Amino acid sequence: MNINESLPLLVLATSLVPGVIIFFLEESRIRLRTTLNLTGAILKLLLVGYILQGVQSGQVFDFRHNIMPGLELVFKADPLAMLLITLSAVLWFLTTLYAIGYLENSPHRSRFFGFFSLCVTATTGVAMAGNLLTFFVFYELLTLSTYPLIVHRGTEAAIRAGKIYLAYTLTGGAVLLIGVVWLYSLMGQVEFASGGVAARLGPEYATQLQIIFLLLIAGLGVKLR
């Protein structure tokens, strides 16, 4: 694996690794938790800046991992992905600075910042997803890691909001999964490409593709509601 293949993974690791460590920290380890949060956020900004320069000069940042025949996890740092990742990285740094002060006297800070880091990891994975499978996996990870943040305070209102959130997102996830599996059954590997990828299927698949399109839009629409 060369450096250009590993950089997408390193960008993910800058939030994933600190988040996993933070989960196991005692609440009293304020300084260490803050250091991990800020170090991860700063490293992500530096890596994103380096990749941005590479993308502008025409370099390709592409990581692939074969899960099983016909199923790959694919991460691509193309110009559109970098636009979203740069925005995410800047907002993560600013939000971390704010949250450290805002939650100074709150309970369960390690749990909050752990799931917060997982949210950032999932967002970055969605932005760099090079195929539909990778997008689906990290989009669902974003759903699961966001729920604990919604119910973090543990109040009745927070728990009620969390239940409503899960009802919407799990329903949307099930609809989205049906569309993803159906499309994979027709096309095999579904890798994102300019202009789309379904055009190679003949007109006899038009009805199926229309239904799949509606399933994907409905699944994503429910989750974004």
C-alpha atoms as a PDB file:
ATOM      1  CA  MET A   1       0.000   0.000   0.000  1.00  0.00           C
ATOM      2  CA  ASN A   2       1.497   3.356  -1.037  1.00  0.00           C
ATOM      3  CA  ILE A   3       1.000   6.696   0.700  1.00  0.00           C
ATOM      4  CA  ASN A   4      -1.799   7.819  -1.625  1.00  0.00           C
ATOM      5  CA  GLU A   5      -3.758   4.640  -0.863  1.00  0.00           C
ATOM      6  CA  SER A   6      -3.269   4.940   2.883  1.00  0.00           C
ATOM      7  CA  LEU A   7      -4.123   8.634   3.278  1.00  0.00           C
ATOM      8  CA  PRO A   8      -7.931   8.136   3.130  1.00  0.00           C
ATOM      9  CA  LEU A   9      -7.583   5.628   5.979  1.00  0.00           C
ATOM     10  CA  LEU A  10      -5.395   8.028   7.960  1.00  0.00           C
ATOM     11  CA  VAL A  11      -8.037  10.742   7.609  1.00  0.00           C
ATOM     12  CA  LEU A  12     -10.617   8.348   9.052  1.00  0.00           C
ATOM     13  CA  ALA A  13      -8.215   7.296  11.823  1.00  0.00           C
ATOM     14  CA  THR A  14      -7.696  10.865  13.079  1.00  0.00           C
ATOM     15  CA  SER A  15     -11.198  10.809  14.556  1.00  0.00           C
ATOM     16  CA  LEU A  16     -11.743   7.067  14.999  1.00  0.00           C
ATOM     17  CA  VAL A  17      -8.648   6.322  17.115  1.00  0.00           C
ATOM     18  CA  PRO A  18      -9.089   9.242  19.567  1.00  0.00           C
ATOM     19  CA  GLY A  19     -12.784   8.396  19.855  1.00  0.00           C
ATOM     20  CA  VAL A  20     -12.136   4.769  20.790  1.00  0.00           C
ATOM     21  CA  ILE A  21      -9.532   5.784  23.389  1.00  0.00           C
ATOM     22  CA  ILE A  22     -11.815   8.460  24.864  1.00  0.00           C
ATOM     23  CA  PHE A  23     -14.545   5.868  25.490  1.00  0.00           C
ATOM     24  CA  PHE A  24     -12.308   4.205  28.099  1.00  0.00           C
ATOM     25  CA  LEU A  25     -11.194   7.371  29.888  1.00  0.00           C
ATOM     26  CA  GLU A  26     -12.456   8.201  33.356  1.00  0.00           C
ATOM     27  CA  GLU A  27     -14.435  11.418  33.643  1.00  0.00           C
ATOM     28  CA  SER A  28     -11.632  12.972  35.691  1.00  0.00           C
ATOM     29  CA  ARG A  29      -9.122  12.695  32.806  1.00  0.00           C
ATOM     30  CA  ILE A  30     -10.092  16.085  31.459  1.00  0.00           C
ATOM     31  CA  ARG A  31      -6.683  17.132  30.177  1.00  0.00           C
ATOM     32  CA  LEU A  32      -6.028  13.867  28.342  1.00  0.00           C
ATOM     33  CA  ARG A  33      -9.508  13.846  26.809  1.00  0.00           C
ATOM     34  CA  THR A  34      -9.074  17.443  25.616  1.00  0.00           C
ATOM     35  CA  THR A  35      -5.623  16.650  24.205  1.00  0.00           C
ATOM     36  CA  LEU A  36      -6.956  13.659  22.262  1.00  0.00           C
ATOM     37  CA  ASN A  37      -9.888  15.651  20.890  1.00  0.00           C
ATOM     38  CA  LEU A  38      -7.776  18.588  19.717  1.00  0.00           C
ATOM     39  CA  THR A  39      -4.904  16.457  18.438  1.00  0.00           C
ATOM     40  CA  GLY A  40      -7.278  14.413  16.281  1.00  0.00           C
ATOM     41  CA  ALA A  41      -9.003  17.530  14.947  1.00  0.00           C
ATOM     42  CA  ILE A  42      -5.707  19.264  14.114  1.00  0.00           C
ATOM     43  CA  LEU A  43      -4.226  16.164  12.464  1.00  0.00           C
ATOM     44  CA  LYS A  44      -7.344  15.832  10.317  1.00  0.00           C
ATOM     45  CA  LEU A  45      -7.014  19.454   9.186  1.00  0.00           C
ATOM     46  CA  LEU A  46      -3.338  18.925   8.297  1.00  0.00           C
ATOM     47  CA  LEU A  47      -4.029  15.724   6.346  1.00  0.00           C
ATOM     48  CA  VAL A  48      -6.956  17.309   4.542  1.00  0.00           C
ATOM     49  CA  GLY A  49      -4.745  20.246   3.575  1.00  0.00           C
ATOM     50  CA  TYR A  50      -2.082  17.883   2.219  1.00  0.00           C
ATOM     51  CA  ILE A  51      -4.628  15.877   0.206  1.00  0.00           C
ATOM     52  CA  LEU A  52      -6.188  19.056  -1.167  1.00  0.00           C
ATOM     53  CA  GLN A  53      -2.826  20.049  -2.620  1.00  0.00           C
ATOM     54  CA  GLY A  54      -2.446  16.588  -4.137  1.00  0.00           C
ATOM     55  CA  VAL A  55      -5.926  16.623  -5.670  1.00  0.00           C
ATOM     56  CA  GLN A  56      -5.240  20.033  -7.226  1.00  0.00           C
ATOM     57  CA  SER A  57      -2.059  18.652  -8.824  1.00  0.00           C
ATOM     58  CA  GLY A  58      -3.926  15.644 -10.249  1.00  0.00           C
ATOM     59  CA  GLN A  59      -2.925  12.959  -7.756  1.00  0.00           C
ATOM     60  CA  VAL A  60      -5.306  10.060  -7.089  1.00  0.00           C
ATOM     61  CA  PHE A  61      -6.131   9.032  -3.511  1.00  0.00           C
ATOM     62  CA  ASP A  62      -7.960   5.718  -3.700  1.00  0.00           C
ATOM     63  CA  PHE A  63      -8.195   2.903  -1.134  1.00  0.00           C
ATOM     64  CA  ARG A  64      -9.899  -0.434  -1.802  1.00  0.00           C
ATOM     65  CA  HIS A  65     -10.493  -3.421   0.444  1.00  0.00           C
ATOM     66  CA  ASN A  66     -12.116  -6.583  -0.877  1.00  0.00           C
ATOM     67  CA  ILE A  67     -14.587  -7.924   1.707  1.00  0.00           C
ATOM     68  CA  MET A  68     -15.696 -10.817  -0.471  1.00  0.00           C
ATOM     69  CA  PRO A  69     -16.033 -11.400  -4.222  1.00  0.00           C
ATOM     70  CA  GLY A  70     -18.080  -8.553  -5.668  1.00  0.00           C
ATOM     71  CA  LEU A  71     -18.109  -6.501  -2.441  1.00  0.00           C
ATOM     72  CA  GLU A  72     -15.491  -3.823  -1.815  1.00  0.00           C
ATOM     73  CA  LEU A  73     -15.043  -0.944   0.571  1.00  0.00           C
ATOM     74  CA  VAL A  74     -13.835   1.954  -1.578  1.00  0.00           C
ATOM     75  CA  PHE A  75     -12.647   5.379  -0.405  1.00  0.00           C
ATOM     76  CA  LYS A  76     -11.825   8.124  -2.898  1.00  0.00           C
ATOM     77  CA  ALA A  77     -10.563  11.599  -2.088  1.00  0.00           C
ATOM     78  CA  ASP A  78     -11.772  13.369  -5.238  1.00  0.00           C
ATOM     79  CA  PRO A  79     -12.548  17.125  -5.501  1.00  0.00           C
ATOM     80  CA  LEU A  80     -16.194  16.786  -4.385  1.00  0.00           C
ATOM     81  CA  ALA A  81     -15.246  14.542  -1.473  1.00  0.00           C
ATOM     82  CA  MET A  82     -12.567  17.012  -0.390  1.00  0.00           C
ATOM     83  CA  LEU A  83     -15.060  19.872  -0.417  1.00  0.00           C
ATOM     84  CA  LEU A  84     -17.267  17.985   2.060  1.00  0.00           C
ATOM     85  CA  ILE A  85     -14.351  16.670   4.131  1.00  0.00           C
ATOM     86  CA  THR A  86     -12.764  20.112   4.427  1.00  0.00           C
ATOM     87  CA  LEU A  87     -16.046  21.558   5.662  1.00  0.00           C
ATOM     88  CA  SER A  88     -16.437  18.655   8.103  1.00  0.00           C
ATOM     89  CA  ALA A  89     -12.869  18.971   9.411  1.00  0.00           C
ATOM     90  CA  VAL A  90     -13.140  22.715  10.010  1.00  0.00           C
ATOM     91  CA  LEU A  91     -16.516  22.368  11.733  1.00  0.00           C
ATOM     92  CA  TRP A  92     -15.236  19.467  13.865  1.00  0.00           C
ATOM     93  CA  PHE A  93     -12.325  21.583  15.122  1.00  0.00           C
ATOM     94  CA  LEU A  94     -14.555  24.573  15.926  1.00  0.00           C
ATOM     95  CA  THR A  95     -17.296  22.440  17.484  1.00  0.00           C
ATOM     96  CA  THR A  96     -14.748  20.581  19.610  1.00  0.00           C
ATOM     97  CA  LEU A  97     -13.431  23.864  20.995  1.00  0.00           C
ATOM     98  CA  TYR A  98     -16.983  24.916  21.846  1.00  0.00           C
ATOM     99  CA  ALA A  99     -18.057  21.562  23.306  1.00  0.00           C
ATOM    100  CA  ILE A 100     -15.029  21.297  25.610  1.00  0.00           C
ATOM    101  CA  GLY A 101     -16.098  24.484  27.376  1.00  0.00           C
ATOM    102  CA  TYR A 102     -19.850  23.951  27.094  1.00  0.00           C
ATOM    103  CA  LEU A 103     -19.731  20.473  28.660  1.00  0.00           C
ATOM    104  CA  GLU A 104     -17.176  21.353  31.332  1.00  0.00           C
ATOM    105  CA  ASN A 105     -19.445  20.402  34.232  1.00  0.00           C
ATOM    106  CA  SER A 106     -21.616  17.853  32.453  1.00  0.00           C
ATOM    107  CA  PRO A 107     -21.629  14.112  33.250  1.00  0.00           C
ATOM    108  CA  HIS A 108     -20.594  11.361  30.796  1.00  0.00           C
ATOM    109  CA  ARG A 109     -18.208  13.561  28.814  1.00  0.00           C
ATOM    110  CA  SER A 110     -16.088  10.620  27.704  1.00  0.00           C
ATOM    111  CA  ARG A 111     -19.164   8.923  26.271  1.00  0.00           C
ATOM    112  CA  PHE A 112     -20.246  12.112  24.507  1.00  0.00           C
ATOM    113  CA  PHE A 113     -16.873  12.855  22.906  1.00  0.00           C
ATOM    114  CA  GLY A 114     -16.397   9.200  21.992  1.00  0.00           C
ATOM    115  CA  PHE A 115     -19.626   9.096  20.007  1.00  0.00           C
ATOM    116  CA  PHE A 116     -18.965  12.603  18.684  1.00  0.00           C
ATOM    117  CA  SER A 117     -15.686  11.348  17.195  1.00  0.00           C
ATOM    118  CA  LEU A 118     -17.476   8.353  15.676  1.00  0.00           C
ATOM    119  CA  CYS A 119     -19.956  10.758  14.049  1.00  0.00           C
ATOM    120  CA  VAL A 120     -17.080  12.656  12.458  1.00  0.00           C
ATOM    121  CA  THR A 121     -15.543   9.362  11.267  1.00  0.00           C
ATOM    122  CA  ALA A 122     -18.841   8.294   9.715  1.00  0.00           C
ATOM    123  CA  THR A 123     -19.324  11.678   8.037  1.00  0.00           C
ATOM    124  CA  THR A 124     -15.835  11.469   6.548  1.00  0.00           C
ATOM    125  CA  GLY A 125     -16.520   7.919   5.351  1.00  0.00           C
ATOM    126  CA  VAL A 126     -19.737   9.012   3.648  1.00  0.00           C
ATOM    127  CA  ALA A 127     -17.916  11.860   1.894  1.00  0.00           C
ATOM    128  CA  MET A 128     -15.125   9.587   0.624  1.00  0.00           C
ATOM    129  CA  ALA A 129     -17.377   6.648  -0.300  1.00  0.00           C
ATOM    130  CA  GLY A 130     -16.427   5.426  -3.754  1.00  0.00           C
ATOM    131  CA  ASN A 131     -19.283   2.962  -4.129  1.00  0.00           C
ATOM    132  CA  LEU A 132     -22.799   2.364  -2.863  1.00  0.00           C
ATOM    133  CA  LEU A 133     -21.807  -0.281  -0.299  1.00  0.00           C
ATOM    134  CA  THR A 134     -19.290   2.010   1.415  1.00  0.00           C
ATOM    135  CA  PHE A 135     -21.823   4.831   1.422  1.00  0.00           C
ATOM    136  CA  PHE A 136     -24.488   2.613   2.999  1.00  0.00           C
ATOM    137  CA  VAL A 137     -22.170   1.233   5.718  1.00  0.00           C
ATOM    138  CA  PHE A 138     -20.958   4.651   6.850  1.00  0.00           C
ATOM    139  CA  TYR A 139     -24.364   6.276   6.513  1.00  0.00           C
ATOM    140  CA  GLU A 140     -25.766   3.673   8.902  1.00  0.00           C
ATOM    141  CA  LEU A 141     -22.781   4.159  11.226  1.00  0.00           C
ATOM    142  CA  LEU A 142     -23.640   7.854  11.277  1.00  0.00           C
ATOM    143  CA  THR A 143     -27.198   6.982  12.303  1.00  0.00           C
ATOM    144  CA  LEU A 144     -26.082   4.709  15.138  1.00  0.00           C
ATOM    145  CA  SER A 145     -23.417   7.072  16.476  1.00  0.00           C
ATOM    146  CA  THR A 146     -25.758  10.084  16.429  1.00  0.00           C
ATOM    147  CA  TYR A 147     -28.442   8.466  18.596  1.00  0.00           C
ATOM    148  CA  PRO A 148     -26.361   8.536  21.850  1.00  0.00           C
ATOM    149  CA  LEU A 149     -25.740  12.254  21.319  1.00  0.00           C
ATOM    150  CA  ILE A 150     -29.466  12.913  21.031  1.00  0.00           C
ATOM    151  CA  VAL A 151     -30.247  11.114  24.306  1.00  0.00           C
ATOM    152  CA  HIS A 152     -27.054  12.240  26.059  1.00  0.00           C
ATOM    153  CA  ARG A 153     -28.738  14.364  28.713  1.00  0.00           C
ATOM    154  CA  GLY A 154     -31.028  11.487  29.683  1.00  0.00           C
ATOM    155  CA  THR A 155     -34.074  13.710  30.193  1.00  0.00           C
ATOM    156  CA  GLU A 156     -37.563  12.560  29.310  1.00  0.00           C
ATOM    157  CA  ALA A 157     -37.629  14.905  26.329  1.00  0.00           C
ATOM    158  CA  ALA A 158     -34.250  13.624  25.103  1.00  0.00           C
ATOM    159  CA  ILE A 159     -35.337   9.978  25.390  1.00  0.00           C
ATOM    160  CA  ARG A 160     -38.577  10.711  23.537  1.00  0.00           C
ATOM    161  CA  ALA A 161     -36.665  12.509  20.779  1.00  0.00           C
ATOM    162  CA  GLY A 162     -34.278   9.563  20.559  1.00  0.00           C
ATOM    163  CA  LYS A 163     -37.124   7.093  20.102  1.00  0.00           C
ATOM    164  CA  ILE A 164     -38.651   9.193  17.319  1.00  0.00           C
ATOM    165  CA  TYR A 165     -35.221   9.517  15.697  1.00  0.00           C
ATOM    166  CA  LEU A 166     -34.673   5.748  15.769  1.00  0.00           C
ATOM    167  CA  ALA A 167     -38.133   5.058  14.347  1.00  0.00           C
ATOM    168  CA  TYR A 168     -37.457   7.312  11.369  1.00  0.00           C
ATOM    169  CA  THR A 169     -33.860   6.278  10.737  1.00  0.00           C
ATOM    170  CA  LEU A 170     -34.315   2.520  11.138  1.00  0.00           C
ATOM    171  CA  THR A 171     -37.315   2.582   8.815  1.00  0.00           C
ATOM    172  CA  GLY A 172     -35.338   4.632   6.320  1.00  0.00           C
ATOM    173  CA  GLY A 173     -32.363   2.318   6.696  1.00  0.00           C
ATOM    174  CA  ALA A 174     -34.482  -0.748   5.923  1.00  0.00           C
ATOM    175  CA  VAL A 175     -35.918   0.892   2.788  1.00  0.00           C
ATOM    176  CA  LEU A 176     -32.440   2.017   1.731  1.00  0.00           C
ATOM    177  CA  LEU A 177     -31.037  -1.482   2.243  1.00  0.00           C
ATOM    178  CA  ILE A 178     -33.709  -3.002  -0.008  1.00  0.00           C
ATOM    179  CA  GLY A 179     -32.762  -0.568  -2.764  1.00  0.00           C
ATOM    180  CA  VAL A 180     -29.024  -1.213  -2.323  1.00  0.00           C
ATOM    181  CA  VAL A 181     -29.367  -5.017  -2.366  1.00  0.00           C
ATOM    182  CA  TRP A 182     -31.708  -4.893  -5.361  1.00  0.00           C
ATOM    183  CA  LEU A 183     -29.322  -2.696  -7.347  1.00  0.00           C
ATOM    184  CA  TYR A 184     -26.342  -4.909  -6.480  1.00  0.00           C
ATOM    185  CA  SER A 185     -28.300  -7.960  -7.622  1.00  0.00           C
ATOM    186  CA  LEU A 186     -28.732  -6.319 -11.036  1.00  0.00           C
ATOM    187  CA  MET A 187     -25.308  -4.756 -11.491  1.00  0.00           C
ATOM    188  CA  GLY A 188     -22.846  -6.306  -9.079  1.00  0.00           C
ATOM    189  CA  GLN A 189     -20.338  -3.752  -7.809  1.00  0.00           C
ATOM    190  CA  VAL A 190     -21.946  -0.281  -7.906  1.00  0.00           C
ATOM    191  CA  GLU A 191     -19.118   2.222  -8.071  1.00  0.00           C
ATOM    192  CA  PHE A 192     -19.883   5.935  -8.278  1.00  0.00           C
ATOM    193  CA  ALA A 193     -18.958   7.530 -11.596  1.00  0.00           C
ATOM    194  CA  SER A 194     -19.621  10.775 -13.408  1.00  0.00           C
ATOM    195  CA  GLY A 195     -22.795  10.443 -15.469  1.00  0.00           C
ATOM    196  CA  GLY A 196     -24.060   7.422 -13.540  1.00  0.00           C
ATOM    197  CA  VAL A 197     -23.502   3.689 -13.919  1.00  0.00           C
ATOM    198  CA  ALA A 198     -26.923   2.197 -14.645  1.00  0.00           C
ATOM    199  CA  ALA A 199     -26.993   3.248 -18.302  1.00  0.00           C
ATOM    200  CA  ARG A 200     -25.328  -0.014 -19.333  1.00  0.00           C
ATOM    201  CA  LEU A 201     -28.471  -1.915 -18.344  1.00  0.00           C
ATOM    202  CA  GLY A 202     -30.950  -2.356 -21.157  1.00  0.00           C
ATOM    203  CA  PRO A 203     -34.407  -0.749 -21.404  1.00  0.00           C
ATOM    204  CA  GLU A 204     -35.972  -3.942 -20.043  1.00  0.00           C
ATOM    205  CA  TYR A 205     -34.637  -2.909 -16.608  1.00  0.00           C
ATOM    206  CA  ALA A 206     -36.231   0.539 -16.702  1.00  0.00           C
ATOM    207  CA  THR A 207     -39.122  -0.298 -14.374  1.00  0.00           C
ATOM    208  CA  GLN A 208     -36.886  -1.988 -11.824  1.00  0.00           C
ATOM    209  CA  LEU A 209     -34.438   0.938 -11.875  1.00  0.00           C
ATOM    210  CA  GLN A 210     -37.275   3.405 -11.346  1.00  0.00           C
ATOM    211  CA  ILE A 211     -38.476   1.459  -8.285  1.00  0.00           C
ATOM    212  CA  ILE A 212     -34.913   1.215  -6.943  1.00  0.00           C
ATOM    213  CA  PHE A 213     -34.486   4.962  -7.429  1.00  0.00           C
ATOM    214  CA  LEU A 214     -37.648   5.618  -5.421  1.00  0.00           C
ATOM    215  CA  LEU A 215     -36.470   3.249  -2.654  1.00  0.00           C
ATOM    216  CA  LEU A 216     -33.095   4.988  -2.403  1.00  0.00           C
ATOM    217  CA  ILE A 217     -34.621   8.464  -2.394  1.00  0.00           C
ATOM    218  CA  ALA A 218     -37.278   7.455   0.152  1.00  0.00           C
ATOM    219  CA  GLY A 219     -34.721   5.786   2.425  1.00  0.00           C
ATOM    220  CA  LEU A 220     -32.409   8.790   2.387  1.00  0.00           C
ATOM    221  CA  GLY A 221     -35.300  11.238   2.620  1.00  0.00           C
ATOM    222  CA  VAL A 222     -36.682   9.651   5.796  1.00  0.00           C
ATOM    223  CA  LYS A 223     -33.229   9.743   7.403  1.00  0.00           C
ATOM    224  CA  LEU A 224     -32.666  13.371   6.497  1.00  0.00           C
ATOM    225  CA  ARG A 225     -36.047  14.477   7.770  1.00  0.00           C
END
